[in-house]
Amino acid sequence: MNLFKIFDISGSALSAQSVRLNTVASNLANADVPSATADGVYKARHPVFAAVLRAVGTETAGGVRVTGIVESERPPRVEYRPGHPLANEEGYVYLPAVNVVEEMADMISASRSYQSNVEVLDTIKQLMLRTLQLGQR
């Protein structure tokens, strides 16, 4: 196995987790943004990942990629805020159905996955450098 493939695999994972972290950040930033209508409310976004397996010469290489970003199908929250400028005739505003606790857990998971892949890259780099040092003696 070519050790340079590990850089490709971990690099693709870093890129995917970066997209995941960005969508979580967007969801958290918009968690309390009200809207005057149910159609205009922010919908939480989540990336969809797919495993990648491609042939490179006589060997195969793997990784992960983001195939798309889907919007949540959860209905918006409705709150009674009669004094709010976006309130409808009955005094209700619509808020995104973003669960902040779930988003924080997703952020921690994505962050740890990102850190793990950085450690993989660092370990492989150190192993390759030590292998080169063996040839110098």
N, C-alpha and C. Protein backbone atom coordinates (compact mmCIF):
# COMPACT_ATOMS: atom_id res chain seq x y z
N MET A 1 0.84 -1.18 0.00
CA MET A 1 0.00 0.00 0.00
C MET A 1 0.89 1.24 0.00
N ASN A 2 0.53 2.17 -0.83
CA ASN A 2 1.24 3.43 -0.92
C ASN A 2 0.86 4.30 0.28
N LEU A 3 1.84 4.72 1.05
CA LEU A 3 1.55 5.51 2.25
C LEU A 3 1.00 6.89 1.93
N PHE A 4 1.25 7.37 0.73
CA PHE A 4 0.74 8.69 0.37
C PHE A 4 -0.79 8.69 0.25
N LYS A 5 -1.40 7.53 0.08
CA LYS A 5 -2.86 7.45 0.02
C LYS A 5 -3.48 7.86 1.35
N ILE A 6 -2.74 7.63 2.42
CA ILE A 6 -3.27 7.99 3.74
C ILE A 6 -3.48 9.50 3.81
N PHE A 7 -2.60 10.27 3.17
CA PHE A 7 -2.78 11.71 3.13
C PHE A 7 -4.06 12.07 2.39
N ASP A 8 -4.35 11.37 1.30
CA ASP A 8 -5.58 11.62 0.55
C ASP A 8 -6.82 11.28 1.36
N ILE A 9 -6.77 10.14 2.05
CA ILE A 9 -7.92 9.69 2.84
C ILE A 9 -8.19 10.66 3.99
N SER A 10 -7.15 10.98 4.75
CA SER A 10 -7.33 11.90 5.88
C SER A 10 -7.67 13.30 5.40
N GLY A 11 -7.09 13.70 4.27
CA GLY A 11 -7.41 15.01 3.72
C GLY A 11 -8.86 15.13 3.32
N SER A 12 -9.40 14.07 2.72
CA SER A 12 -10.81 14.11 2.35
C SER A 12 -11.70 14.13 3.59
N ALA A 13 -11.28 13.43 4.64
CA ALA A 13 -12.04 13.44 5.89
C ALA A 13 -11.99 14.82 6.54
N LEU A 14 -10.82 15.48 6.49
CA LEU A 14 -10.71 16.83 7.03
C LEU A 14 -11.63 17.80 6.30
N SER A 15 -11.67 17.67 5.00
CA SER A 15 -12.54 18.54 4.20
C SER A 15 -14.01 18.29 4.53
N ALA A 16 -14.39 17.03 4.66
CA ALA A 16 -15.78 16.70 4.98
C ALA A 16 -16.18 17.21 6.36
N GLN A 17 -15.30 17.04 7.34
CA GLN A 17 -15.61 17.51 8.69
C GLN A 17 -15.63 19.03 8.75
N SER A 18 -14.86 19.68 7.91
CA SER A 18 -14.90 21.14 7.84
C SER A 18 -16.27 21.61 7.35
N VAL A 19 -16.81 20.94 6.36
CA VAL A 19 -18.16 21.26 5.87
C VAL A 19 -19.17 21.02 6.98
N ARG A 20 -19.01 19.93 7.69
CA ARG A 20 -19.92 19.61 8.80
C ARG A 20 -19.87 20.69 9.87
N LEU A 21 -18.67 21.14 10.22
CA LEU A 21 -18.53 22.20 11.23
C LEU A 21 -19.15 23.50 10.74
N ASN A 22 -19.01 23.81 9.46
CA ASN A 22 -19.59 25.03 8.92
C ASN A 22 -21.12 24.99 8.94
N THR A 23 -21.70 23.83 8.64
CA THR A 23 -23.17 23.74 8.67
C THR A 23 -23.69 23.84 10.10
N VAL A 24 -22.96 23.25 11.04
CA VAL A 24 -23.36 23.37 12.45
C VAL A 24 -23.29 24.82 12.89
N ALA A 25 -22.22 25.52 12.51
CA ALA A 25 -22.08 26.93 12.86
C ALA A 25 -23.23 27.76 12.28
N SER A 26 -23.59 27.46 11.04
CA SER A 26 -24.71 28.17 10.41
C SER A 26 -26.02 27.89 11.13
N ASN A 27 -26.23 26.62 11.51
CA ASN A 27 -27.45 26.27 12.24
C ASN A 27 -27.52 26.97 13.59
N LEU A 28 -26.40 27.01 14.31
CA LEU A 28 -26.38 27.67 15.62
C LEU A 28 -26.57 29.18 15.48
N ALA A 29 -25.98 29.76 14.44
CA ALA A 29 -26.10 31.21 14.25
C ALA A 29 -27.54 31.62 13.93
N ASN A 30 -28.29 30.73 13.30
CA ASN A 30 -29.66 31.05 12.89
C ASN A 30 -30.72 30.41 13.79
N ALA A 31 -30.32 29.84 14.91
CA ALA A 31 -31.25 29.10 15.76
C ALA A 31 -32.39 29.95 16.31
N ASP A 32 -32.16 31.22 16.52
CA ASP A 32 -33.18 32.07 17.12
C ASP A 32 -33.61 33.22 16.20
N VAL A 33 -33.43 33.05 14.90
CA VAL A 33 -33.81 34.10 13.95
C VAL A 33 -35.28 33.92 13.59
N PRO A 34 -36.13 34.87 13.99
CA PRO A 34 -37.57 34.72 13.72
C PRO A 34 -37.92 35.08 12.28
N SER A 35 -39.09 34.63 11.89
CA SER A 35 -39.63 34.93 10.57
C SER A 35 -41.11 35.22 10.69
N ALA A 36 -41.63 36.00 9.75
CA ALA A 36 -43.05 36.33 9.77
C ALA A 36 -43.91 35.20 9.23
N THR A 37 -43.30 34.31 8.41
CA THR A 37 -44.06 33.21 7.81
C THR A 37 -43.35 31.88 8.05
N ALA A 38 -44.12 30.81 7.98
CA ALA A 38 -43.54 29.48 8.15
C ALA A 38 -42.62 29.13 6.99
N ASP A 39 -42.91 29.65 5.81
CA ASP A 39 -42.08 29.36 4.64
C ASP A 39 -40.76 30.12 4.65
N GLY A 40 -40.72 31.25 5.33
CA GLY A 40 -39.52 32.08 5.34
C GLY A 40 -38.54 31.75 6.45
N VAL A 41 -38.88 30.82 7.31
CA VAL A 41 -38.03 30.50 8.46
C VAL A 41 -36.80 29.69 8.01
N TYR A 42 -35.70 29.89 8.70
CA TYR A 42 -34.47 29.16 8.40
C TYR A 42 -34.68 27.68 8.68
N LYS A 43 -34.16 26.84 7.80
CA LYS A 43 -34.22 25.39 7.98
C LYS A 43 -32.80 24.89 8.23
N ALA A 44 -32.65 24.08 9.27
CA ALA A 44 -31.33 23.53 9.61
C ALA A 44 -30.78 22.74 8.44
N ARG A 45 -29.47 22.84 8.25
CA ARG A 45 -28.80 22.14 7.14
C ARG A 45 -27.87 21.07 7.70
N HIS A 46 -27.79 19.96 6.98
CA HIS A 46 -26.93 18.85 7.38
C HIS A 46 -26.25 18.26 6.15
N PRO A 47 -24.93 18.05 6.22
CA PRO A 47 -24.23 17.47 5.07
C PRO A 47 -24.51 15.97 4.95
N VAL A 48 -24.43 15.48 3.72
CA VAL A 48 -24.59 14.05 3.44
C VAL A 48 -23.24 13.56 2.93
N PHE A 49 -22.71 12.53 3.59
CA PHE A 49 -21.39 12.00 3.24
C PHE A 49 -21.53 10.71 2.45
N ALA A 50 -20.53 10.43 1.63
CA ALA A 50 -20.47 9.17 0.89
C ALA A 50 -19.03 8.69 0.86
N ALA A 51 -18.87 7.39 1.00
CA ALA A 51 -17.54 6.81 0.89
C ALA A 51 -17.13 6.82 -0.57
N VAL A 52 -15.84 7.05 -0.80
CA VAL A 52 -15.31 7.11 -2.16
C VAL A 52 -14.29 5.99 -2.31
N LEU A 53 -14.42 5.24 -3.38
CA LEU A 53 -13.45 4.19 -3.70
C LEU A 53 -13.16 4.31 -5.19
N ARG A 54 -11.94 4.65 -5.51
CA ARG A 54 -11.59 4.84 -6.92
C ARG A 54 -10.31 4.10 -7.24
N ALA A 55 -10.18 3.70 -8.47
CA ALA A 55 -8.99 2.99 -8.92
C ALA A 55 -7.91 3.99 -9.32
N VAL A 56 -6.71 3.76 -8.80
CA VAL A 56 -5.55 4.57 -9.15
C VAL A 56 -4.48 3.61 -9.64
N GLY A 57 -4.37 3.47 -10.93
CA GLY A 57 -3.43 2.50 -11.48
C GLY A 57 -3.91 1.10 -11.17
N THR A 58 -3.05 0.33 -10.51
CA THR A 58 -3.42 -1.04 -10.14
C THR A 58 -3.98 -1.13 -8.73
N GLU A 59 -3.98 -0.03 -8.00
CA GLU A 59 -4.46 -0.02 -6.62
C GLU A 59 -5.73 0.82 -6.52
N THR A 60 -6.39 0.71 -5.37
CA THR A 60 -7.57 1.52 -5.13
C THR A 60 -7.28 2.52 -4.03
N ALA A 61 -7.98 3.63 -4.08
CA ALA A 61 -7.84 4.67 -3.07
C ALA A 61 -9.22 4.97 -2.52
N GLY A 62 -9.29 5.30 -1.26
CA GLY A 62 -10.57 5.58 -0.62
C GLY A 62 -10.61 6.98 -0.06
N GLY A 63 -11.72 7.28 0.55
CA GLY A 63 -11.89 8.58 1.16
C GLY A 63 -13.36 8.83 1.43
N VAL A 64 -13.67 10.07 1.67
CA VAL A 64 -15.05 10.48 1.92
C VAL A 64 -15.27 11.80 1.21
N ARG A 65 -16.51 12.01 0.78
CA ARG A 65 -16.83 13.29 0.16
C ARG A 65 -18.24 13.70 0.57
N VAL A 66 -18.51 14.97 0.43
CA VAL A 66 -19.83 15.49 0.72
C VAL A 66 -20.63 15.44 -0.57
N THR A 67 -21.72 14.69 -0.57
CA THR A 67 -22.53 14.56 -1.78
C THR A 67 -23.58 15.66 -1.87
N GLY A 68 -23.86 16.30 -0.77
CA GLY A 68 -24.85 17.37 -0.77
C GLY A 68 -25.16 17.84 0.62
N ILE A 69 -25.97 18.86 0.69
CA ILE A 69 -26.42 19.38 1.97
C ILE A 69 -27.94 19.41 1.92
N VAL A 70 -28.56 18.75 2.89
CA VAL A 70 -30.02 18.67 2.93
C VAL A 70 -30.56 19.59 4.02
N GLU A 71 -31.77 20.07 3.79
CA GLU A 71 -32.45 20.90 4.78
C GLU A 71 -33.37 20.04 5.63
N SER A 72 -33.48 20.39 6.87
CA SER A 72 -34.35 19.67 7.80
C SER A 72 -35.81 19.79 7.39
N GLU A 73 -36.55 18.73 7.65
CA GLU A 73 -37.98 18.71 7.34
C GLU A 73 -38.83 19.03 8.57
N ARG A 74 -38.19 19.32 9.70
CA ARG A 74 -38.94 19.63 10.91
C ARG A 74 -39.78 20.91 10.72
N PRO A 75 -40.98 20.90 11.23
CA PRO A 75 -41.80 22.12 11.13
C PRO A 75 -41.23 23.20 12.07
N PRO A 76 -41.40 24.46 11.72
CA PRO A 76 -40.86 25.53 12.56
C PRO A 76 -41.60 25.61 13.90
N ARG A 77 -40.93 26.19 14.86
CA ARG A 77 -41.56 26.45 16.16
C ARG A 77 -42.40 27.72 16.03
N VAL A 78 -43.50 27.74 16.72
CA VAL A 78 -44.36 28.92 16.71
C VAL A 78 -44.41 29.45 18.13
N GLU A 79 -44.08 30.73 18.29
CA GLU A 79 -44.11 31.36 19.61
C GLU A 79 -44.99 32.60 19.59
N TYR A 80 -45.63 32.79 20.70
CA TYR A 80 -46.50 33.96 20.85
C TYR A 80 -45.66 35.14 21.33
N ARG A 81 -45.47 36.12 20.46
CA ARG A 81 -44.72 37.34 20.78
C ARG A 81 -45.46 38.53 20.16
N PRO A 82 -46.52 38.96 20.78
CA PRO A 82 -47.36 40.00 20.15
C PRO A 82 -46.64 41.32 19.90
N GLY A 83 -45.63 41.66 20.65
CA GLY A 83 -44.92 42.93 20.46
C GLY A 83 -43.81 42.86 19.43
N HIS A 84 -43.52 41.70 18.91
CA HIS A 84 -42.41 41.54 17.96
C HIS A 84 -42.80 42.14 16.60
N PRO A 85 -41.85 42.83 15.94
CA PRO A 85 -42.18 43.44 14.64
C PRO A 85 -42.56 42.44 13.55
N LEU A 86 -42.11 41.19 13.65
CA LEU A 86 -42.44 40.18 12.65
C LEU A 86 -43.67 39.35 13.01
N ALA A 87 -44.31 39.66 14.11
CA ALA A 87 -45.48 38.89 14.53
C ALA A 87 -46.63 39.07 13.54
N ASN A 88 -47.36 37.96 13.32
CA ASN A 88 -48.52 38.03 12.42
C ASN A 88 -49.72 38.65 13.15
N GLU A 89 -50.88 38.62 12.52
CA GLU A 89 -52.07 39.26 13.10
C GLU A 89 -52.44 38.68 14.47
N GLU A 90 -52.17 37.38 14.66
CA GLU A 90 -52.49 36.74 15.95
C GLU A 90 -51.37 36.93 16.98
N GLY A 91 -50.24 37.51 16.59
CA GLY A 91 -49.14 37.76 17.52
C GLY A 91 -48.09 36.67 17.55
N TYR A 92 -48.09 35.78 16.56
CA TYR A 92 -47.14 34.66 16.53
C TYR A 92 -45.99 34.93 15.57
N VAL A 93 -44.80 34.46 15.95
CA VAL A 93 -43.63 34.47 15.06
C VAL A 93 -43.18 33.03 14.87
N TYR A 94 -42.49 32.78 13.77
CA TYR A 94 -42.00 31.45 13.46
C TYR A 94 -40.50 31.42 13.68
N LEU A 95 -40.04 30.37 14.36
CA LEU A 95 -38.61 30.20 14.66
C LEU A 95 -38.11 28.88 14.08
N PRO A 96 -36.84 28.83 13.74
CA PRO A 96 -36.28 27.59 13.18
C PRO A 96 -36.38 26.43 14.18
N ALA A 97 -36.55 25.24 13.65
CA ALA A 97 -36.60 24.03 14.49
C ALA A 97 -35.19 23.49 14.65
N VAL A 98 -34.34 24.31 15.24
CA VAL A 98 -32.94 23.93 15.47
C VAL A 98 -32.79 23.58 16.95
N ASN A 99 -32.37 22.36 17.21
CA ASN A 99 -32.13 21.92 18.58
C ASN A 99 -30.67 22.23 18.91
N VAL A 100 -30.45 23.21 19.75
CA VAL A 100 -29.11 23.69 20.06
C VAL A 100 -28.27 22.60 20.71
N VAL A 101 -28.87 21.77 21.55
CA VAL A 101 -28.13 20.70 22.21
C VAL A 101 -27.64 19.67 21.18
N GLU A 102 -28.51 19.29 20.25
CA GLU A 102 -28.10 18.35 19.19
C GLU A 102 -26.99 18.95 18.33
N GLU A 103 -27.11 20.22 18.02
CA GLU A 103 -26.09 20.88 17.19
C GLU A 103 -24.75 20.95 17.92
N MET A 104 -24.78 21.21 19.21
CA MET A 104 -23.53 21.26 19.98
C MET A 104 -22.88 19.87 20.04
N ALA A 105 -23.69 18.84 20.22
CA ALA A 105 -23.15 17.47 20.22
C ALA A 105 -22.56 17.13 18.86
N ASP A 106 -23.21 17.55 17.79
CA ASP A 106 -22.70 17.33 16.44
C ASP A 106 -21.39 18.09 16.23
N MET A 107 -21.32 19.29 16.78
CA MET A 107 -20.10 20.09 16.66
C MET A 107 -18.94 19.43 17.39
N ILE A 108 -19.19 18.90 18.57
CA ILE A 108 -18.13 18.22 19.33
C ILE A 108 -17.67 16.98 18.58
N SER A 109 -18.61 16.22 18.04
CA SER A 109 -18.27 15.02 17.28
C SER A 109 -17.43 15.36 16.04
N ALA A 110 -17.85 16.39 15.31
CA ALA A 110 -17.10 16.80 14.11
C ALA A 110 -15.71 17.31 14.48
N SER A 111 -15.63 18.05 15.56
CA SER A 111 -14.34 18.59 16.00
C SER A 111 -13.37 17.47 16.40
N ARG A 112 -13.88 16.48 17.11
CA ARG A 112 -13.02 15.36 17.51
C ARG A 112 -12.59 14.52 16.31
N SER A 113 -13.48 14.35 15.37
CA SER A 113 -13.13 13.63 14.15
C SER A 113 -12.06 14.39 13.37
N TYR A 114 -12.20 15.69 13.31
CA TYR A 114 -11.21 16.53 12.63
C TYR A 114 -9.85 16.39 13.33
N GLN A 115 -9.85 16.48 14.66
CA GLN A 115 -8.61 16.34 15.44
C GLN A 115 -7.98 14.97 15.22
N SER A 116 -8.78 13.93 15.18
CA SER A 116 -8.25 12.58 14.97
C SER A 116 -7.55 12.47 13.62
N ASN A 117 -8.13 13.06 12.59
CA ASN A 117 -7.51 13.00 11.28
C ASN A 117 -6.24 13.84 11.20
N VAL A 118 -6.19 14.93 11.93
CA VAL A 118 -4.96 15.72 12.00
C VAL A 118 -3.87 14.89 12.67
N GLU A 119 -4.21 14.16 13.72
CA GLU A 119 -3.24 13.30 14.40
C GLU A 119 -2.76 12.17 13.49
N VAL A 120 -3.64 11.61 12.67
CA VAL A 120 -3.24 10.58 11.72
C VAL A 120 -2.21 11.15 10.75
N LEU A 121 -2.49 12.33 10.22
CA LEU A 121 -1.55 12.96 9.29
C LEU A 121 -0.20 13.24 9.95
N ASP A 122 -0.23 13.71 11.17
CA ASP A 122 1.01 14.00 11.88
C ASP A 122 1.79 12.72 12.15
N THR A 123 1.13 11.66 12.54
CA THR A 123 1.79 10.39 12.81
C THR A 123 2.43 9.82 11.55
N ILE A 124 1.72 9.86 10.43
CA ILE A 124 2.26 9.35 9.17
C ILE A 124 3.47 10.19 8.75
N LYS A 125 3.37 11.48 8.93
CA LYS A 125 4.50 12.35 8.58
C LYS A 125 5.73 11.99 9.42
N GLN A 126 5.53 11.79 10.71
CA GLN A 126 6.65 11.42 11.59
C GLN A 126 7.23 10.06 11.20
N LEU A 127 6.37 9.09 10.89
CA LEU A 127 6.86 7.77 10.48
C LEU A 127 7.66 7.85 9.19
N MET A 128 7.21 8.65 8.25
CA MET A 128 7.95 8.79 6.99
C MET A 128 9.30 9.47 7.22
N LEU A 129 9.33 10.47 8.09
CA LEU A 129 10.59 11.14 8.38
C LEU A 129 11.57 10.19 9.09
N ARG A 130 11.08 9.38 10.00
CA ARG A 130 11.94 8.42 10.68
C ARG A 130 12.45 7.35 9.71
N THR A 131 11.61 6.95 8.76
CA THR A 131 12.04 5.98 7.76
C THR A 131 13.16 6.57 6.91
N LEU A 132 13.05 7.84 6.56
CA LEU A 132 14.13 8.49 5.80
C LEU A 132 15.42 8.60 6.62
N GLN A 133 15.27 8.83 7.93
CA GLN A 133 16.45 8.91 8.79
C GLN A 133 17.17 7.57 8.90
N LEU A 134 16.43 6.48 8.80
CA LEU A 134 17.08 5.15 8.84
C LEU A 134 18.04 4.99 7.67
N GLY A 135 17.69 5.53 6.51
CA GLY A 135 18.54 5.42 5.35
C GLY A 135 19.77 6.29 5.42
N GLN A 136 19.80 7.26 6.32
CA GLN A 136 20.94 8.17 6.44
C GLN A 136 22.06 7.60 7.29
N ARG A 137 21.82 6.58 8.04
CA ARG A 137 22.83 6.05 8.98
C ARG A 137 23.71 5.06 8.32
